Amino acid sequence: MTPRKTELVVRGGTVVDARWAGPADVFVADGRVQALVEPGTPVPAGSDAVEIDASARLVLPGGVDPHCHVGFTSGDYTSLDGYAQCTTAAVFGGTTTIVDFAIPRPGEQPAATAHAQRAKAAQGLCDSALHGCVIDWDASVPGQLVDMADAGIRTIKMFTTYRGESMADEDTILRVMSSLRDVGGMAVVHCEANHIIEDTQSRCAAKGHIAAPDMAATRPPLAETASVAGVLAIAESVGAPVYFVHQSTPEAVELVSAARRRGVAAFTEAVAHHLILDDSCYDGPEAERFVCCPPLRPRATVEALGRYLITGDITTVGSDHCCYDLGQKRSRRDDVRHMPNGLPGVETRLPIIYSRYVASGLLPITRFVELTSTNPARTNGLYPRKGSLLPGADADIAIWDPSATWTIGVDVLHMATDYTPYERMAVTGRPETVLVRGNVVVSQGKLIDSEPRGEYIPAGPIDLTPAVLAR
């Protein structure tokens, strides 16, 4: 077989993977990483490779965001971005793969919803994978789960809250977990005990404390820990893996860690806003900017949660990106039960985590890659094609200036909204050049290729090897 010709070389940078970092040049051919070589190694004879100078830069695998809602409808509100807008923002933020959700509306079948959402991937500037969703169990669901697994949709989201819209009962959760276990899949669960939420909100409303500034009080931490404990018991009873999205308290994380020590394949996701912002945001004049579920927690809780990034108890960091604008957020700021919950964050996820935890010296750069790229790829069945720069992986590469200082603002971002919860936040570190499967999409902070080349990436069986569960 004729060796592939090297088409592109990233030279002079520090290459970072989840387990090592060091000087290396990256050779790219046919959209894949061809080799990691000693700095200055000449390209093979006959190659006419484009060279990118990464001197004094970090060369990272593109981020994998395990938690993005694209064009998401909840209640009366639909978020404002499609795949083109969301993935444009993603690549500017150093993310080259998003994992979206296909959440059925009333009367829709999970598999049909998933297949329709999957077809949108070609509109993106980067690649995407997909979580399905089950709300109610009936005789058709097992076949639909097999159908979705065959199409590479192996992670299925379920909610323990939002009665009458997306909430799944415990029997449904157990049955879905059992079915997924047999097809190499995994349940992805939003855990807040609905009965506690509804009771708390009713009591808050009776006192006239149900508006945006009251958000933290309406969804207490106890609702999260109670639900996590119950879902862990189901997973343990049927011997199925489970992934908990946006865990916001150390108590919830500790429940999952304890279960993992007992042998349960259980994973914790934290999201960027719970690791950066705190509930003092609700004290300001525009509290609606920060309304999300679970809500922002006290500063002491945020600091404690951040320590679990370092210990390894948190498996992944996502964005929980929901691209509403201020008009939507303000329309029902008087009652958080009816306003859209969620924050835009696909573009800011990596820079704010890098700045707070890596640039400050709290987190090794290898662990940053593990949390934001490698482990999200592993827990979504995308590794080693995604989440790595080892030979054979897709050449999804983010070249970072680790010392760049800049100020986050809606005027310099690319999300399809008119605000960011991090407005005027000063950060250090920024991706400046981003490649998707070997194509330079962003160069020196400018979009140079807006052609949609996004591909849907089917998931393989979920990685439950000891390396993933070791921490």
Protein backbone atom coordinates (compact mmCIF):
# COMPACT_ATOMS: atom_id res chain seq x y z
CA MET A 1 0.00 0.00 0.00
CA THR A 2 1.31 3.46 -0.89
CA PRO A 3 1.94 5.51 2.26
CA ARG A 4 -0.41 8.43 2.67
CA LYS A 5 1.14 11.76 1.84
CA THR A 6 1.45 14.16 4.73
CA GLU A 7 -0.84 17.08 3.96
CA LEU A 8 -0.35 19.28 7.01
CA VAL A 9 2.14 19.65 9.86
CA VAL A 10 1.66 21.45 13.15
CA ARG A 11 5.19 22.35 14.25
CA GLY A 12 6.91 23.66 17.32
CA GLY A 13 4.17 23.32 19.92
CA THR A 14 3.68 21.39 23.13
CA VAL A 15 1.33 18.53 22.31
CA VAL A 16 -1.00 17.57 25.15
CA ASP A 17 -2.95 14.36 25.57
CA ALA A 18 -4.80 13.07 28.62
CA ARG A 19 -1.77 11.20 29.93
CA TRP A 20 1.26 13.12 28.68
CA ALA A 21 2.51 16.44 27.33
CA GLY A 22 5.69 17.35 25.51
CA PRO A 23 7.29 18.93 22.44
CA ALA A 24 6.21 17.21 19.23
CA ASP A 25 5.18 17.91 15.67
CA VAL A 26 1.84 16.58 14.41
CA PHE A 27 1.65 15.09 10.91
CA VAL A 28 -1.81 15.01 9.33
CA ALA A 29 -2.99 12.98 6.32
CA ASP A 30 -6.49 12.31 5.01
CA GLY A 31 -8.03 14.21 7.91
CA ARG A 32 -6.42 11.97 10.52
CA VAL A 33 -3.39 12.25 12.76
CA GLN A 34 -0.70 10.40 10.84
CA ALA A 35 2.10 10.62 13.40
CA LEU A 36 3.51 12.48 16.38
CA VAL A 37 7.20 13.02 15.73
CA GLU A 38 10.25 14.71 17.14
CA PRO A 39 10.24 18.47 16.55
CA GLY A 40 11.75 19.34 13.21
CA THR A 41 11.29 15.91 11.63
CA PRO A 42 11.06 16.37 7.85
CA VAL A 43 7.89 15.27 6.09
CA PRO A 44 8.07 12.09 4.00
CA ALA A 45 9.45 12.46 0.48
CA GLY A 46 6.82 13.50 -2.03
CA SER A 47 4.64 15.32 0.47
CA ASP A 48 3.83 18.96 -0.10
CA ALA A 49 2.55 19.71 3.36
CA VAL A 50 1.12 22.95 4.68
CA GLU A 51 2.91 23.93 7.88
CA ILE A 52 1.37 25.69 10.89
CA ASP A 53 3.75 27.31 13.35
CA ALA A 54 2.67 26.45 16.91
CA SER A 55 5.77 27.80 18.66
CA ALA A 56 5.05 28.76 22.28
CA ARG A 57 1.58 27.28 21.90
CA LEU A 58 -0.31 24.31 23.33
CA VAL A 59 -1.54 21.77 20.77
CA LEU A 60 -4.63 20.09 22.20
CA PRO A 61 -7.20 17.64 20.87
CA GLY A 62 -10.31 19.60 20.03
CA GLY A 63 -12.79 19.75 22.85
CA VAL A 64 -15.71 17.33 23.04
CA ASP A 65 -18.74 18.98 24.64
CA PRO A 66 -20.91 16.18 26.04
CA HIS A 67 -23.90 18.40 26.79
CA CYS A 68 -25.31 20.75 24.13
CA HIS A 69 -28.92 21.59 23.39
CA VAL A 70 -29.27 22.81 19.79
CA GLY A 71 -32.61 24.34 18.80
CA PHE A 72 -34.05 22.96 22.02
CA THR A 73 -37.76 23.38 22.79
CA SER A 74 -38.90 23.40 26.41
CA GLY A 75 -42.38 24.56 27.26
CA ASP A 76 -43.15 27.67 25.22
CA TYR A 77 -39.54 28.45 24.36
CA THR A 78 -37.10 27.27 21.70
CA SER A 79 -33.41 28.12 21.87
CA LEU A 80 -32.17 30.27 19.03
CA ASP A 81 -29.34 28.39 17.38
CA GLY A 82 -29.25 25.69 14.74
CA TYR A 83 -26.25 23.50 13.96
CA ALA A 84 -24.51 26.17 11.90
CA GLN A 85 -24.65 28.77 14.66
CA CYS A 86 -23.89 26.40 17.54
CA THR A 87 -20.90 24.77 15.86
CA THR A 88 -19.50 28.13 14.73
CA ALA A 89 -19.44 29.20 18.36
CA ALA A 90 -18.05 25.81 19.35
CA VAL A 91 -15.00 26.00 17.10
CA PHE A 92 -14.18 29.53 18.22
CA GLY A 93 -14.14 28.12 21.75
CA GLY A 94 -11.85 25.21 20.83
CA THR A 95 -14.57 22.55 20.71
CA THR A 96 -14.66 20.34 17.61
CA THR A 97 -17.35 17.81 18.57
CA ILE A 98 -20.69 18.51 20.24
CA VAL A 99 -23.10 15.94 21.64
CA ASP A 100 -26.67 17.15 21.13
CA PHE A 101 -29.97 15.85 22.52
CA ALA A 102 -33.03 14.58 20.67
CA ILE A 103 -35.83 15.11 23.19
CA PRO A 104 -39.27 14.07 21.92
CA ARG A 105 -42.21 16.41 22.14
CA PRO A 106 -45.64 15.04 23.10
CA GLY A 107 -46.75 12.46 20.55
CA GLU A 108 -43.26 11.92 19.09
CA GLN A 109 -41.39 8.64 19.18
CA PRO A 110 -37.83 8.65 20.60
CA ALA A 111 -36.25 6.96 17.58
CA ALA A 112 -38.00 9.18 15.02
CA THR A 113 -36.97 12.30 16.93
CA ALA A 114 -33.38 11.08 17.12
CA HIS A 115 -33.13 10.27 13.43
CA ALA A 116 -34.54 13.69 12.50
CA GLN A 117 -32.06 15.48 14.75
CA ARG A 118 -29.15 13.35 13.53
CA ALA A 119 -29.80 14.48 9.96
CA LYS A 120 -28.99 18.08 10.93
CA ALA A 121 -25.32 17.26 11.60
CA ALA A 122 -24.31 18.12 8.01
CA GLN A 123 -25.22 21.77 8.69
CA GLY A 124 -22.39 22.09 11.22
CA LEU A 125 -18.87 23.45 10.96
CA CYS A 126 -17.72 20.64 13.23
CA ASP A 127 -18.86 17.11 14.00
CA SER A 128 -21.63 15.98 16.32
CA ALA A 129 -22.97 12.95 18.11
CA LEU A 130 -26.37 12.50 19.73
CA HIS A 131 -28.13 11.49 22.92
CA GLY A 132 -31.62 10.06 22.54
CA CYS A 133 -34.32 10.53 25.17
CA VAL A 134 -37.11 8.38 26.59
CA ILE A 135 -39.98 9.83 28.60
CA ASP A 136 -42.56 7.04 28.79
CA TRP A 137 -42.13 3.28 28.56
CA ASP A 138 -44.32 1.23 26.25
CA ALA A 139 -43.96 -1.98 24.25
CA SER A 140 -42.29 -0.17 21.36
CA VAL A 141 -39.41 1.28 23.36
CA PRO A 142 -37.10 -1.79 23.45
CA GLY A 143 -37.13 -1.98 19.66
CA GLN A 144 -36.55 1.75 19.38
CA LEU A 145 -33.54 1.51 21.70
CA VAL A 146 -32.05 -1.23 19.53
CA ASP A 147 -32.74 0.84 16.42
CA MET A 148 -31.01 3.86 17.93
CA ALA A 149 -28.04 1.81 19.13
CA ASP A 150 -27.64 0.38 15.63
CA ALA A 151 -27.51 3.99 14.37
CA GLY A 152 -24.84 4.90 16.91
CA ILE A 153 -27.13 6.55 19.46
CA ARG A 154 -26.25 4.66 22.63
CA THR A 155 -26.75 7.26 25.35
CA ILE A 156 -30.33 7.93 26.37
CA LYS A 157 -31.30 10.87 28.53
CA MET A 158 -34.01 10.76 31.15
CA PHE A 159 -35.28 13.46 33.51
CA THR A 160 -36.54 12.94 37.05
CA THR A 161 -38.24 16.36 36.98
CA TYR A 162 -40.46 18.47 34.68
CA ARG A 163 -43.71 16.59 35.27
CA GLY A 164 -45.97 16.52 32.23
CA GLU A 165 -43.20 17.42 29.80
CA SER A 166 -40.06 15.25 29.92
CA MET A 167 -40.13 13.51 33.30
CA ALA A 168 -39.63 9.72 33.33
CA ASP A 169 -40.83 7.62 36.25
CA GLU A 170 -38.63 5.12 38.11
CA ASP A 171 -40.08 2.13 36.29
CA THR A 172 -39.18 3.71 32.95
CA ILE A 173 -35.67 4.49 34.17
CA LEU A 174 -35.14 0.90 35.30
CA ARG A 175 -36.42 -0.60 32.06
CA VAL A 176 -34.39 1.74 29.87
CA MET A 177 -31.23 1.06 31.88
CA SER A 178 -31.74 -2.69 31.56
CA SER A 179 -32.25 -2.45 27.81
CA LEU A 180 -29.25 -0.18 27.28
CA ARG A 181 -27.01 -2.47 29.29
CA ASP A 182 -27.58 -5.17 26.67
CA VAL A 183 -26.68 -2.98 23.65
CA GLY A 184 -23.54 -1.28 24.97
CA GLY A 185 -25.42 1.86 25.91
CA MET A 186 -25.85 4.03 28.98
CA ALA A 187 -28.50 6.12 30.68
CA VAL A 188 -27.80 9.85 31.00
CA VAL A 189 -29.88 11.28 33.83
CA HIS A 190 -30.92 14.77 34.95
CA CYS A 191 -31.47 14.23 38.67
CA GLU A 192 -33.74 16.51 40.68
CA ALA A 193 -36.48 14.89 42.79
CA ASN A 194 -39.63 16.33 41.31
CA HIS A 195 -41.81 15.99 44.40
CA ILE A 196 -39.31 18.03 46.42
CA ILE A 197 -39.02 20.63 43.64
CA GLU A 198 -42.78 21.04 43.27
CA ASP A 199 -43.37 21.29 47.02
CA THR A 200 -40.56 23.82 47.45
CA GLN A 201 -41.77 25.93 44.54
CA SER A 202 -45.33 25.92 45.88
CA ARG A 203 -44.14 27.16 49.26
CA CYS A 204 -41.95 29.82 47.63
CA ALA A 205 -44.84 30.97 45.44
CA ALA A 206 -47.15 31.24 48.47
CA LYS A 207 -44.68 33.71 49.98
CA GLY A 208 -44.29 35.65 46.73
CA HIS A 209 -40.72 34.44 46.23
CA ILE A 210 -40.85 32.69 42.85
CA ALA A 211 -39.17 35.23 40.53
CA ALA A 212 -35.71 35.04 38.99
CA PRO A 213 -33.91 36.42 42.08
CA ASP A 214 -35.43 33.53 44.07
CA MET A 215 -34.15 30.81 41.74
CA ALA A 216 -31.66 29.19 44.14
CA ALA A 217 -34.30 28.68 46.83
CA THR A 218 -36.80 27.05 44.48
CA ARG A 219 -34.63 24.02 43.60
CA PRO A 220 -32.74 22.98 46.76
CA PRO A 221 -29.60 20.80 46.79
CA LEU A 222 -31.52 18.10 48.65
CA ALA A 223 -33.65 17.50 45.55
CA GLU A 224 -30.51 16.66 43.61
CA THR A 225 -28.94 14.33 46.16
CA ALA A 226 -32.22 12.50 46.82
CA SER A 227 -32.68 11.82 43.12
CA VAL A 228 -29.06 10.78 42.58
CA ALA A 229 -29.33 8.25 45.41
CA GLY A 230 -32.48 6.74 43.93
CA VAL A 231 -31.13 6.49 40.39
CA LEU A 232 -27.88 4.96 41.65
CA ALA A 233 -29.90 2.30 43.45
CA ILE A 234 -31.68 1.43 40.20
CA ALA A 235 -28.40 1.24 38.26
CA GLU A 236 -26.81 -0.93 40.92
CA SER A 237 -29.79 -3.25 41.07
CA VAL A 238 -29.74 -3.99 37.33
CA GLY A 239 -25.96 -3.80 36.83
CA ALA A 240 -26.16 -0.95 34.31
CA PRO A 241 -23.90 2.07 33.77
CA VAL A 242 -25.21 5.55 34.46
CA TYR A 243 -23.99 9.10 33.75
CA PHE A 244 -25.22 12.03 35.82
CA VAL A 245 -25.40 15.38 34.04
CA HIS A 246 -24.62 18.77 35.62
CA GLN A 247 -23.99 17.64 39.19
CA SER A 248 -23.84 20.85 41.20
CA THR A 249 -23.00 19.83 44.77
CA PRO A 250 -20.16 17.92 46.43
CA GLU A 251 -22.72 15.67 48.12
CA ALA A 252 -24.05 14.49 44.76
CA VAL A 253 -20.54 13.86 43.46
CA GLU A 254 -19.66 11.90 46.59
CA LEU A 255 -22.68 9.64 46.16
CA VAL A 256 -21.48 8.73 42.67
CA SER A 257 -17.87 8.24 43.80
CA ALA A 258 -19.00 5.93 46.60
CA ALA A 259 -21.07 3.90 44.14
CA ARG A 260 -18.08 3.64 41.81
CA ARG A 261 -16.00 2.23 44.67
CA ARG A 262 -18.72 -0.41 45.09
CA GLY A 263 -18.29 -1.38 41.46
CA VAL A 264 -21.10 0.60 39.84
CA ALA A 265 -20.15 2.08 36.46
CA ALA A 266 -21.23 5.59 37.41
CA PHE A 267 -19.97 8.89 36.02
CA THR A 268 -20.21 12.53 37.12
CA GLU A 269 -20.48 15.46 34.74
CA ALA A 270 -20.02 18.99 36.01
CA VAL A 271 -20.83 21.98 33.83
CA ALA A 272 -18.82 25.14 33.53
CA HIS A 273 -21.26 27.57 35.12
CA HIS A 274 -21.52 25.49 38.30
CA LEU A 275 -17.71 25.54 38.54
CA ILE A 276 -17.35 29.29 38.00
CA LEU A 277 -20.47 31.23 39.02
CA ASP A 278 -22.33 31.27 42.34
CA ASP A 279 -25.74 32.19 43.66
CA SER A 280 -24.72 35.78 44.37
CA CYS A 281 -25.51 36.31 40.67
CA TYR A 282 -29.20 36.19 41.63
CA ASP A 283 -28.74 39.28 43.82
CA GLY A 284 -28.11 41.60 40.88
CA PRO A 285 -30.61 43.56 38.78
CA GLU A 286 -30.64 40.97 35.96
CA ALA A 287 -30.99 37.70 37.82
CA GLU A 288 -32.73 36.13 34.81
CA ARG A 289 -29.36 35.95 33.02
CA PHE A 290 -28.35 33.18 35.43
CA VAL A 291 -31.50 31.05 35.73
CA CYS A 292 -30.55 27.43 35.08
CA CYS A 293 -31.37 23.98 36.44
CA PRO A 294 -29.94 23.02 38.83
CA PRO A 295 -29.46 26.62 39.97
CA LEU A 296 -26.17 28.26 40.84
CA ARG A 297 -25.00 27.30 44.32
CA PRO A 298 -23.25 29.21 47.16
CA ARG A 299 -19.59 30.11 46.69
CA ALA A 300 -18.44 27.54 49.25
CA THR A 301 -20.25 24.84 47.27
CA VAL A 302 -18.66 26.02 44.02
CA GLU A 303 -15.18 25.88 45.55
CA ALA A 304 -15.81 22.41 46.98
CA LEU A 305 -17.12 21.18 43.64
CA GLY A 306 -14.00 22.50 41.91
CA ARG A 307 -11.77 20.45 44.17
CA TYR A 308 -13.32 17.30 42.69
CA LEU A 309 -11.90 18.26 39.31
CA ILE A 310 -8.49 17.78 40.87
CA THR A 311 -9.19 14.57 42.79
CA GLY A 312 -10.71 12.90 39.75
CA ASP A 313 -14.20 12.39 41.20
CA ILE A 314 -15.65 14.46 38.34
CA THR A 315 -15.44 12.56 35.05
CA THR A 316 -16.29 15.23 32.47
CA VAL A 317 -16.95 18.95 32.10
CA GLY A 318 -19.73 20.01 29.73
CA SER A 319 -21.49 23.28 28.94
CA ASP A 320 -25.22 22.45 29.12
CA HIS A 321 -25.49 25.00 26.31
CA CYS A 322 -29.00 26.47 25.87
CA CYS A 323 -28.97 29.49 23.59
CA TYR A 324 -31.86 31.64 24.78
CA ASP A 325 -31.70 35.42 24.52
CA LEU A 326 -32.56 38.12 27.04
CA GLY A 327 -36.00 38.69 25.58
CA GLN A 328 -36.90 35.08 26.25
CA LYS A 329 -35.28 35.08 29.69
CA ARG A 330 -37.07 38.29 30.73
CA SER A 331 -40.51 37.33 29.44
CA ARG A 332 -41.37 35.36 32.59
CA ARG A 333 -38.73 36.52 35.05
CA ASP A 334 -41.64 36.87 37.48
CA ASP A 335 -42.03 33.08 37.76
CA VAL A 336 -39.14 30.65 37.31
CA ARG A 337 -41.58 27.78 36.87
CA HIS A 338 -42.45 29.17 33.44
CA MET A 339 -39.35 30.96 32.19
CA PRO A 340 -36.72 29.20 30.03
CA ASN A 341 -33.99 27.59 32.12
CA GLY A 342 -30.48 27.34 30.71
CA LEU A 343 -27.38 29.35 29.80
CA PRO A 344 -25.42 29.81 26.57
CA GLY A 345 -21.96 28.30 27.02
CA VAL A 346 -20.63 26.17 24.15
CA GLU A 347 -18.05 28.85 23.25
CA THR A 348 -16.97 29.80 26.75
CA ARG A 349 -16.72 26.33 28.35
CA LEU A 350 -13.05 25.73 27.62
CA PRO A 351 -11.63 29.24 28.10
CA ILE A 352 -13.23 29.84 31.49
CA ILE A 353 -12.24 26.40 32.85
CA TYR A 354 -8.71 26.79 31.48
CA SER A 355 -8.37 30.25 33.00
CA ARG A 356 -9.79 29.43 36.43
CA TYR A 357 -8.19 26.04 36.93
CA VAL A 358 -5.19 25.60 34.58
CA ALA A 359 -3.74 29.09 34.22
CA SER A 360 -4.06 29.49 37.99
CA GLY A 361 -2.00 26.33 38.57
CA LEU A 362 -4.82 24.32 40.19
CA LEU A 363 -5.20 21.75 37.41
CA PRO A 364 -2.59 20.06 35.18
CA ILE A 365 -3.10 20.67 31.48
CA THR A 366 -3.32 16.90 30.93
CA ARG A 367 -6.25 16.69 33.34
CA PHE A 368 -7.92 19.59 31.53
CA VAL A 369 -7.74 17.59 28.28
CA GLU A 370 -9.03 14.49 30.05
CA LEU A 371 -12.05 16.33 31.50
CA THR A 372 -13.01 18.34 28.44
CA SER A 373 -12.08 16.08 25.52
CA THR A 374 -10.89 12.54 26.25
CA ASN A 375 -13.39 11.47 28.89
CA PRO A 376 -16.37 13.04 27.09
CA ALA A 377 -15.31 11.04 24.01
CA ARG A 378 -14.94 7.84 26.05
CA THR A 379 -18.27 8.15 27.87
CA ASN A 380 -20.06 8.81 24.58
CA GLY A 381 -18.53 5.95 22.58
CA LEU A 382 -16.44 8.29 20.39
CA TYR A 383 -12.91 7.45 21.56
CA PRO A 384 -10.26 7.10 20.12
CA ARG A 385 -11.58 8.77 16.96
CA LYS A 386 -12.31 11.84 19.09
CA GLY A 387 -10.65 13.10 22.25
CA SER A 388 -7.06 12.25 21.33
CA LEU A 389 -4.17 13.25 19.10
CA LEU A 390 -2.76 9.73 18.89
CA PRO A 391 -2.16 8.36 15.38
CA GLY A 392 -5.42 7.38 13.71
CA ALA A 393 -7.56 9.91 15.55
CA ASP A 394 -9.43 12.59 13.63
CA ALA A 395 -7.16 15.62 13.21
CA ASP A 396 -9.37 17.80 15.41
CA ILE A 397 -6.78 20.17 16.80
CA ALA A 398 -7.02 23.31 18.92
CA ILE A 399 -3.88 25.43 19.10
CA TRP A 400 -3.96 27.55 22.24
CA ASP A 401 -2.12 30.68 23.25
CA PRO A 402 -1.79 29.85 26.96
CA SER A 403 -0.86 33.38 28.00
CA ALA A 404 -3.40 35.41 26.01
CA THR A 405 -5.41 37.70 28.25
CA TRP A 406 -8.82 38.89 27.13
CA THR A 407 -12.22 39.89 28.41
CA ILE A 408 -15.32 37.85 27.67
CA GLY A 409 -18.17 39.86 26.22
CA VAL A 410 -21.09 39.31 23.91
CA ASP A 411 -19.36 41.62 21.42
CA VAL A 412 -16.46 39.17 20.93
CA LEU A 413 -18.42 35.92 21.06
CA HIS A 414 -20.28 34.08 18.31
CA MET A 415 -23.27 32.43 19.99
CA ALA A 416 -26.74 33.25 18.63
CA THR A 417 -27.76 35.32 21.63
CA ASP A 418 -27.38 38.83 22.99
CA TYR A 419 -25.78 37.96 26.31
CA THR A 420 -23.29 35.77 28.14
CA PRO A 421 -23.37 35.00 31.87
CA TYR A 422 -19.64 35.77 31.92
CA GLU A 423 -19.88 39.35 30.63
CA ARG A 424 -16.74 41.39 31.44
CA MET A 425 -14.95 38.39 32.98
CA ALA A 426 -11.19 38.61 32.44
CA VAL A 427 -9.60 35.29 31.44
CA THR A 428 -6.19 33.92 30.52
CA GLY A 429 -5.70 31.45 27.66
CA ARG A 430 -7.53 31.12 24.38
CA PRO A 431 -7.68 28.84 21.33
CA GLU A 432 -6.49 30.79 18.30
CA THR A 433 -6.34 28.20 15.50
CA VAL A 434 -8.74 25.27 15.21
CA LEU A 435 -8.76 22.35 12.78
CA VAL A 436 -11.65 19.98 12.14
CA ARG A 437 -10.55 16.70 10.54
CA GLY A 438 -7.46 18.45 9.21
CA ASN A 439 -9.29 21.49 7.78
CA VAL A 440 -8.30 24.85 9.25
CA VAL A 441 -11.60 26.44 10.26
CA VAL A 442 -10.39 29.18 12.59
CA SER A 443 -6.98 30.80 12.12
CA GLN A 444 -5.54 33.41 14.45
CA GLY A 445 -8.99 34.00 15.89
CA LYS A 446 -10.74 34.49 12.54
CA LEU A 447 -13.19 32.21 10.75
CA ILE A 448 -11.59 31.29 7.45
CA ASP A 449 -13.76 28.34 6.41
CA SER A 450 -17.52 28.61 6.86
CA GLU A 451 -18.37 25.65 4.65
CA PRO A 452 -20.51 23.16 6.57
CA ARG A 453 -18.59 19.90 6.66
CA GLY A 454 -20.05 18.54 9.86
CA GLU A 455 -20.51 14.80 10.16
CA TYR A 456 -22.68 12.78 12.48
CA ILE A 457 -20.32 10.52 14.45
CA PRO A 458 -21.98 7.25 15.47
CA ALA A 459 -21.16 6.04 18.96
CA GLY A 460 -19.63 2.66 19.59
CA PRO A 461 -20.23 0.73 22.81
CA ILE A 462 -19.63 2.93 25.85
CA ASP A 463 -16.11 2.63 27.27
CA LEU A 464 -16.33 1.09 30.74
CA THR A 465 -12.69 0.02 31.01
CA PRO A 466 -10.86 0.36 34.34
CA ALA A 467 -8.92 3.35 32.96
CA VAL A 468 -12.11 5.37 32.73
CA LEU A 469 -13.48 4.24 36.10
CA ALA A 470 -10.21 4.31 38.01
CA ARG A 471 -10.59 7.70 39.63
